[in-house]
Amino acid sequence: MISFQSAGGDVPNSALKSQPRNARLSGDVILITKSTVLEGSLQSESPIEIEGFIKGTIRSKADLTISGRVEGDMTVDSLVADNATILGDISCATSAEILSGSQVQGNIDAERVVISACVRRDITARESVALESDAVVLGNINTKFFQSARGAYVNGIITTTNDVKEEKLFDRIKAKRQP
């Protein structure tokens, strides 16, 4: 098992000599290239870009960009998955963008979520979910604000929650109907 840790870019490249040459710090970004396979946990305070394959957990207080494959749960500040395959739960402090060509099989929890790909499992967004026209969601959606483009597909229950009390809504409707 490989455990690869970075503390805000403080790990010098010389400290990575035991790591494969294609798993390296690039400036303040950790880059996992296409030909890299890592098994174990990846922890960083620096942004991470994954073009290769990781089997294990990912923890980062920064942004994560995936165009490769990840099998495992992740907890990050924000996520952009572009033509990626993700098998595991995603937890983001801010936003999760699952872009075209990507597949996610796992729950997504974030402040804001944008989907233009396939997601199997549930989406929970503390603020908003936006589905683009090529989005496919096979699971439930729970959010404050929901937006869907024509052509998006959902097989699940969509629940929107906000500060409006249901009783007050019905009271307004009753009041409008009375002469």
Foldseek 3Di string as FASTA:
>chain_A
DDEAEEEQNPDDQVNCPVPPPQQGQDRQETERAQVDEEEEEYEYQGEYEYNHEYEYEYEYAAEYEYLEEYEEEYEYQEYEYDLYEYEYEYEHAAEYEDDPNYEYEYEYEHQEYEYQYEYEEEYEHAAEYEYELNYEYEYEYEYQYYYYDHNHYYNYHYHHDDDDDPVVVVVVVVVVPDD
